[in-house]
Amino acid sequence: MKTPKQIATAASDRLAFTIEEAAKASSLGSTSIYKAIRDGQLVARKYGTRTIITKTELDAFLNNLPPVVGE
């Protein structure tokens, strides 16, 4: 099993992710990724039957999440 650091390093080299890879790279569940796509918060693209999320889109989605206040 890869450590979180190995996953982060591998993720930084990628141009695009599958739903499952995006979930692992972002520490979110695949259900949360699908919901963000459905709600228009995260842009996914199709290539044939494969759904991919570009690194740029995943970064933008994560950077636009609201900050935690008061912790």
C-alpha atoms as a PDB file:
ATOM      1  CA  MET A   1       0.000   0.000   0.000  1.00  0.00           C
ATOM      2  CA  LYS A   2       1.256   3.479  -0.876  1.00  0.00           C
ATOM      3  CA  THR A   3       1.777   6.060   1.834  1.00  0.00           C
ATOM      4  CA  PRO A   4      -0.077   9.405   1.607  1.00  0.00           C
ATOM      5  CA  LYS A   5       3.230  11.061   0.666  1.00  0.00           C
ATOM      6  CA  GLN A   6       3.747   8.596  -2.207  1.00  0.00           C
ATOM      7  CA  ILE A   7       0.198   9.217  -3.418  1.00  0.00           C
ATOM      8  CA  ALA A   8       0.712  12.996  -3.268  1.00  0.00           C
ATOM      9  CA  THR A   9       4.015  12.737  -5.151  1.00  0.00           C
ATOM     10  CA  ALA A  10       2.488  10.499  -7.809  1.00  0.00           C
ATOM     11  CA  ALA A  11      -0.533  12.813  -8.069  1.00  0.00           C
ATOM     12  CA  SER A  12       1.633  15.865  -8.662  1.00  0.00           C
ATOM     13  CA  ASP A  13       3.111  14.214 -11.761  1.00  0.00           C
ATOM     14  CA  ARG A  14      -0.270  13.344 -13.295  1.00  0.00           C
ATOM     15  CA  LEU A  15      -2.162  15.394 -15.875  1.00  0.00           C
ATOM     16  CA  ALA A  16      -5.518  13.703 -15.248  1.00  0.00           C
ATOM     17  CA  PHE A  17      -7.223  11.284 -12.880  1.00  0.00           C
ATOM     18  CA  THR A  18     -10.015   8.746 -12.909  1.00  0.00           C
ATOM     19  CA  ILE A  19     -12.777   9.307 -10.360  1.00  0.00           C
ATOM     20  CA  GLU A  20     -11.127   6.872  -7.957  1.00  0.00           C
ATOM     21  CA  GLU A  21      -7.676   8.430  -8.417  1.00  0.00           C
ATOM     22  CA  ALA A  22      -9.092  11.944  -7.899  1.00  0.00           C
ATOM     23  CA  ALA A  23     -10.757  10.748  -4.705  1.00  0.00           C
ATOM     24  CA  LYS A  24      -7.493   9.314  -3.365  1.00  0.00           C
ATOM     25  CA  ALA A  25      -5.432  12.337  -4.429  1.00  0.00           C
ATOM     26  CA  SER A  26      -7.858  14.749  -2.750  1.00  0.00           C
ATOM     27  CA  SER A  27      -8.595  12.636   0.359  1.00  0.00           C
ATOM     28  CA  LEU A  28     -12.285  12.697  -0.553  1.00  0.00           C
ATOM     29  CA  GLY A  29     -14.556   9.772  -1.275  1.00  0.00           C
ATOM     30  CA  SER A  30     -15.612   8.876  -4.794  1.00  0.00           C
ATOM     31  CA  THR A  31     -19.224   9.707  -3.832  1.00  0.00           C
ATOM     32  CA  SER A  32     -18.116  13.262  -2.960  1.00  0.00           C
ATOM     33  CA  ILE A  33     -16.304  13.544  -6.303  1.00  0.00           C
ATOM     34  CA  TYR A  34     -19.408  12.364  -8.207  1.00  0.00           C
ATOM     35  CA  LYS A  35     -21.572  14.824  -6.242  1.00  0.00           C
ATOM     36  CA  ALA A  36     -19.224  17.728  -7.023  1.00  0.00           C
ATOM     37  CA  ILE A  37     -19.386  16.811 -10.718  1.00  0.00           C
ATOM     38  CA  ARG A  38     -23.193  16.510 -10.626  1.00  0.00           C
ATOM     39  CA  ASP A  39     -23.497  19.862  -8.823  1.00  0.00           C
ATOM     40  CA  GLY A  40     -21.252  21.600 -11.364  1.00  0.00           C
ATOM     41  CA  GLN A  41     -18.494  22.312  -8.830  1.00  0.00           C
ATOM     42  CA  LEU A  42     -15.973  20.012 -10.508  1.00  0.00           C
ATOM     43  CA  VAL A  43     -15.520  19.637 -14.265  1.00  0.00           C
ATOM     44  CA  ALA A  44     -15.050  16.116 -15.566  1.00  0.00           C
ATOM     45  CA  ARG A  45     -14.378  15.104 -19.154  1.00  0.00           C
ATOM     46  CA  LYS A  46     -15.208  12.004 -21.154  1.00  0.00           C
ATOM     47  CA  TYR A  47     -12.907  10.085 -23.450  1.00  0.00           C
ATOM     48  CA  GLY A  48     -14.895   7.190 -24.799  1.00  0.00           C
ATOM     49  CA  THR A  49     -16.342   5.501 -21.749  1.00  0.00           C
ATOM     50  CA  ARG A  50     -13.692   6.829 -19.382  1.00  0.00           C
ATOM     51  CA  THR A  51     -14.419   9.806 -17.142  1.00  0.00           C
ATOM     52  CA  ILE A  52     -11.353  11.866 -16.305  1.00  0.00           C
ATOM     53  CA  ILE A  53     -10.659  14.925 -14.205  1.00  0.00           C
ATOM     54  CA  THR A  54      -7.715  17.084 -15.145  1.00  0.00           C
ATOM     55  CA  LYS A  55      -5.234  18.054 -12.453  1.00  0.00           C
ATOM     56  CA  THR A  56      -6.012  21.715 -13.167  1.00  0.00           C
ATOM     57  CA  GLU A  57      -9.740  21.178 -12.571  1.00  0.00           C
ATOM     58  CA  LEU A  58      -9.148  19.147  -9.395  1.00  0.00           C
ATOM     59  CA  ASP A  59      -6.770  21.806  -8.049  1.00  0.00           C
ATOM     60  CA  ALA A  60      -9.285  24.577  -8.840  1.00  0.00           C
ATOM     61  CA  PHE A  61     -12.097  22.646  -7.140  1.00  0.00           C
ATOM     62  CA  LEU A  62     -10.055  22.077  -3.980  1.00  0.00           C
ATOM     63  CA  ASN A  63      -8.807  25.671  -3.887  1.00  0.00           C
ATOM     64  CA  ASN A  64     -12.399  26.970  -4.161  1.00  0.00           C
ATOM     65  CA  LEU A  65     -13.656  25.014  -1.162  1.00  0.00           C
ATOM     66  CA  PRO A  66     -14.568  27.319   1.719  1.00  0.00           C
ATOM     67  CA  PRO A  67     -11.895  27.869   4.363  1.00  0.00           C
ATOM     68  CA  VAL A  68     -12.342  26.456   7.846  1.00  0.00           C
ATOM     69  CA  VAL A  69     -13.076  29.244  10.323  1.00  0.00           C
ATOM     70  CA  GLY A  70     -12.746  29.004  14.062  1.00  0.00           C
ATOM     71  CA  GLU A  71     -10.690  25.866  14.465  1.00  0.00           C
END
